């Protein structure tokens, strides 16, 4: 079954825990690890296989990489 552009937009705009990291580029997300809030930021880039994502740097903070296999969770 093919996914249309509108279905993709609706999927990317749902709120809650996300596992489809590759679809989150440009979205503001919260990153959590072991129940602790790590940061909130805009996804600058994500791997096609959903394994990692980069949060854009802001102010004094530099760009950060998060690896799903380490246990990071992403909420939109």
N, C-alpha and C. Protein backbone atom coordinates (compact mmCIF):
# COMPACT_ATOMS: atom_id res chain seq x y z
N UNK A 1 0.84 -1.18 0.00
CA UNK A 1 0.00 0.00 0.00
C UNK A 1 0.89 1.24 0.00
N UNK A 2 0.66 2.13 -0.92
CA UNK A 2 1.47 3.34 -1.05
C UNK A 2 1.02 4.39 -0.04
N UNK A 3 1.99 5.18 0.44
CA UNK A 3 1.70 6.27 1.37
C UNK A 3 1.67 7.56 0.58
N UNK A 4 0.57 8.30 0.68
CA UNK A 4 0.46 9.57 -0.03
C UNK A 4 1.12 10.68 0.76
N UNK A 5 1.33 11.82 0.12
CA UNK A 5 1.93 12.97 0.79
C UNK A 5 1.14 13.42 1.99
N UNK A 6 -0.21 13.42 1.87
CA UNK A 6 -1.05 13.84 2.99
C UNK A 6 -0.93 12.88 4.16
N UNK A 7 -0.87 11.57 3.89
CA UNK A 7 -0.71 10.59 4.96
C UNK A 7 0.63 10.78 5.65
N UNK A 8 1.66 11.07 4.89
CA UNK A 8 2.99 11.30 5.45
C UNK A 8 2.98 12.53 6.35
N UNK A 9 2.32 13.61 5.92
CA UNK A 9 2.24 14.82 6.74
C UNK A 9 1.50 14.54 8.05
N UNK A 10 0.40 13.80 7.98
CA UNK A 10 -0.35 13.48 9.20
C UNK A 10 0.49 12.64 10.13
N UNK A 11 1.23 11.68 9.60
CA UNK A 11 2.09 10.84 10.43
C UNK A 11 3.16 11.68 11.11
N UNK A 12 3.77 12.61 10.38
CA UNK A 12 4.84 13.43 10.94
C UNK A 12 4.32 14.43 11.96
N UNK A 13 3.02 14.74 11.94
CA UNK A 13 2.52 15.75 12.85
C UNK A 13 1.88 15.16 14.11
N UNK A 14 1.79 13.84 14.23
CA UNK A 14 1.24 13.23 15.43
C UNK A 14 2.10 13.53 16.63
N UNK A 15 1.46 13.75 17.78
CA UNK A 15 2.20 14.05 19.00
C UNK A 15 2.41 12.77 19.79
N UNK A 16 3.59 12.67 20.42
CA UNK A 16 3.88 11.52 21.27
C UNK A 16 5.25 10.94 20.98
N UNK A 17 5.51 9.77 21.54
CA UNK A 17 6.78 9.06 21.34
C UNK A 17 6.91 8.68 19.88
N UNK A 18 8.08 8.91 19.31
CA UNK A 18 8.30 8.61 17.88
C UNK A 18 9.46 7.65 17.71
N UNK A 19 9.27 6.69 16.83
CA UNK A 19 10.35 5.76 16.48
C UNK A 19 10.80 5.96 15.03
N UNK A 20 10.03 6.73 14.27
CA UNK A 20 10.35 6.98 12.86
C UNK A 20 11.20 8.24 12.72
N UNK A 21 12.40 8.18 13.28
CA UNK A 21 13.28 9.35 13.34
C UNK A 21 13.57 9.96 11.98
N UNK A 22 13.64 9.16 10.93
CA UNK A 22 13.98 9.66 9.60
C UNK A 22 12.96 10.68 9.09
N UNK A 23 11.76 10.66 9.62
CA UNK A 23 10.70 11.57 9.17
C UNK A 23 10.63 12.86 9.99
N UNK A 24 11.53 13.05 10.93
CA UNK A 24 11.41 14.17 11.86
C UNK A 24 12.25 15.40 11.51
N UNK A 25 12.98 15.36 10.41
CA UNK A 25 13.81 16.50 10.03
C UNK A 25 12.94 17.76 9.94
N UNK A 26 13.39 18.81 10.61
CA UNK A 26 12.68 20.08 10.62
C UNK A 26 11.68 20.23 11.76
N UNK A 27 11.42 19.15 12.49
CA UNK A 27 10.46 19.21 13.59
C UNK A 27 11.17 19.49 14.91
N UNK A 28 10.48 20.20 15.80
CA UNK A 28 10.98 20.41 17.15
C UNK A 28 10.62 19.18 17.98
N UNK A 29 11.62 18.60 18.64
CA UNK A 29 11.42 17.37 19.41
C UNK A 29 12.02 17.52 20.80
N UNK A 30 11.58 16.63 21.69
CA UNK A 30 12.19 16.49 23.01
C UNK A 30 12.96 15.19 23.00
N UNK A 31 14.18 15.21 23.51
CA UNK A 31 15.01 14.01 23.60
C UNK A 31 15.09 13.59 25.06
N UNK A 32 14.84 12.31 25.32
CA UNK A 32 14.82 11.76 26.68
C UNK A 32 15.74 10.55 26.76
N UNK A 33 16.32 10.34 27.93
CA UNK A 33 17.14 9.15 28.17
C UNK A 33 16.87 8.69 29.60
N UNK A 34 16.42 7.46 29.73
CA UNK A 34 16.14 6.86 31.04
C UNK A 34 15.21 7.73 31.89
N UNK A 35 14.18 8.27 31.25
CA UNK A 35 13.20 9.08 31.96
C UNK A 35 13.62 10.50 32.27
N UNK A 36 14.80 10.89 31.82
CA UNK A 36 15.32 12.25 32.06
C UNK A 36 15.29 13.05 30.76
N UNK A 37 14.79 14.28 30.84
CA UNK A 37 14.79 15.16 29.67
C UNK A 37 16.22 15.60 29.39
N UNK A 38 16.68 15.36 28.18
CA UNK A 38 18.05 15.71 27.78
C UNK A 38 18.07 17.08 27.12
N UNK A 39 17.18 17.29 26.16
CA UNK A 39 17.11 18.58 25.48
C UNK A 39 15.88 18.65 24.59
N UNK A 40 15.56 19.87 24.19
CA UNK A 40 14.53 20.13 23.20
C UNK A 40 15.20 20.89 22.07
N UNK A 41 14.91 20.52 20.84
CA UNK A 41 15.52 21.22 19.72
C UNK A 41 14.93 20.78 18.39
N UNK A 42 15.44 21.35 17.33
CA UNK A 42 14.98 21.07 15.97
C UNK A 42 15.88 20.01 15.35
N UNK A 43 15.25 18.98 14.77
CA UNK A 43 16.01 17.93 14.10
C UNK A 43 16.58 18.50 12.81
N UNK A 44 17.90 18.52 12.74
CA UNK A 44 18.59 19.06 11.56
C UNK A 44 18.76 17.99 10.49
N UNK A 45 19.01 16.76 10.93
CA UNK A 45 19.24 15.66 10.00
C UNK A 45 18.98 14.36 10.72
N UNK A 46 18.53 13.35 9.98
CA UNK A 46 18.28 12.03 10.56
C UNK A 46 18.68 10.96 9.56
N UNK A 47 19.18 9.84 10.06
CA UNK A 47 19.57 8.74 9.20
C UNK A 47 18.32 8.08 8.60
N UNK A 48 18.43 7.63 7.38
CA UNK A 48 17.31 6.98 6.69
C UNK A 48 16.82 5.73 7.41
N UNK A 49 17.71 5.10 8.17
CA UNK A 49 17.33 3.86 8.87
C UNK A 49 16.83 4.12 10.30
N UNK A 50 16.56 5.38 10.65
CA UNK A 50 16.04 5.77 11.97
C UNK A 50 17.01 5.53 13.12
N UNK A 51 18.28 5.28 12.85
CA UNK A 51 19.22 4.91 13.90
C UNK A 51 19.78 6.10 14.68
N UNK A 52 19.93 7.24 14.03
CA UNK A 52 20.49 8.42 14.69
C UNK A 52 19.81 9.68 14.16
N UNK A 53 19.90 10.74 14.96
CA UNK A 53 19.48 12.04 14.49
C UNK A 53 20.36 13.11 15.09
N UNK A 54 20.40 14.25 14.42
CA UNK A 54 21.19 15.39 14.86
C UNK A 54 20.24 16.52 15.19
N UNK A 55 20.44 17.11 16.36
CA UNK A 55 19.67 18.27 16.77
C UNK A 55 20.53 19.50 16.46
N UNK A 56 19.93 20.48 15.81
CA UNK A 56 20.65 21.69 15.41
C UNK A 56 21.16 22.43 16.64
N UNK A 57 22.32 23.04 16.49
CA UNK A 57 22.87 23.87 17.55
C UNK A 57 22.05 25.14 17.73
N UNK A 58 22.05 25.65 18.94
CA UNK A 58 21.31 26.86 19.23
C UNK A 58 22.05 27.66 20.30
N UNK A 59 22.30 28.92 20.03
CA UNK A 59 23.01 29.76 20.99
C UNK A 59 24.41 29.21 21.24
N UNK A 60 24.74 28.99 22.50
CA UNK A 60 26.08 28.50 22.87
C UNK A 60 26.21 26.99 22.68
N UNK A 61 25.12 26.31 22.36
CA UNK A 61 25.15 24.85 22.23
C UNK A 61 25.46 24.44 20.80
N UNK A 62 26.26 23.41 20.65
CA UNK A 62 26.61 22.91 19.33
C UNK A 62 25.64 21.81 18.92
N UNK A 63 25.71 21.45 17.65
CA UNK A 63 24.90 20.37 17.10
C UNK A 63 25.18 19.09 17.89
N UNK A 64 24.12 18.31 18.18
CA UNK A 64 24.30 17.08 18.96
C UNK A 64 23.74 15.88 18.22
N UNK A 65 24.42 14.76 18.37
CA UNK A 65 24.03 13.49 17.77
C UNK A 65 23.41 12.60 18.83
N UNK A 66 22.29 11.95 18.50
CA UNK A 66 21.64 11.01 19.40
C UNK A 66 21.46 9.68 18.68
N UNK A 67 21.81 8.60 19.37
CA UNK A 67 21.80 7.25 18.81
C UNK A 67 20.67 6.45 19.47
N UNK A 68 19.75 5.96 18.68
CA UNK A 68 18.60 5.23 19.21
C UNK A 68 19.03 4.00 19.99
N UNK A 69 20.07 3.30 19.55
CA UNK A 69 20.49 2.06 20.21
C UNK A 69 21.03 2.31 21.63
N UNK A 70 21.40 3.55 21.93
CA UNK A 70 21.88 3.91 23.27
C UNK A 70 20.72 4.04 24.26
N UNK A 71 19.50 4.17 23.72
CA UNK A 71 18.33 4.25 24.58
C UNK A 71 17.61 5.59 24.54
N UNK A 72 18.09 6.50 23.70
CA UNK A 72 17.41 7.79 23.60
C UNK A 72 16.01 7.60 23.03
N UNK A 73 15.07 8.37 23.53
CA UNK A 73 13.68 8.40 23.07
C UNK A 73 13.39 9.79 22.58
N UNK A 74 12.59 9.89 21.53
CA UNK A 74 12.25 11.18 20.96
C UNK A 74 10.74 11.36 20.99
N UNK A 75 10.33 12.51 21.51
CA UNK A 75 8.91 12.88 21.59
C UNK A 75 8.68 14.12 20.77
N UNK A 76 7.56 14.17 20.09
CA UNK A 76 7.16 15.34 19.32
C UNK A 76 5.95 15.95 20.00
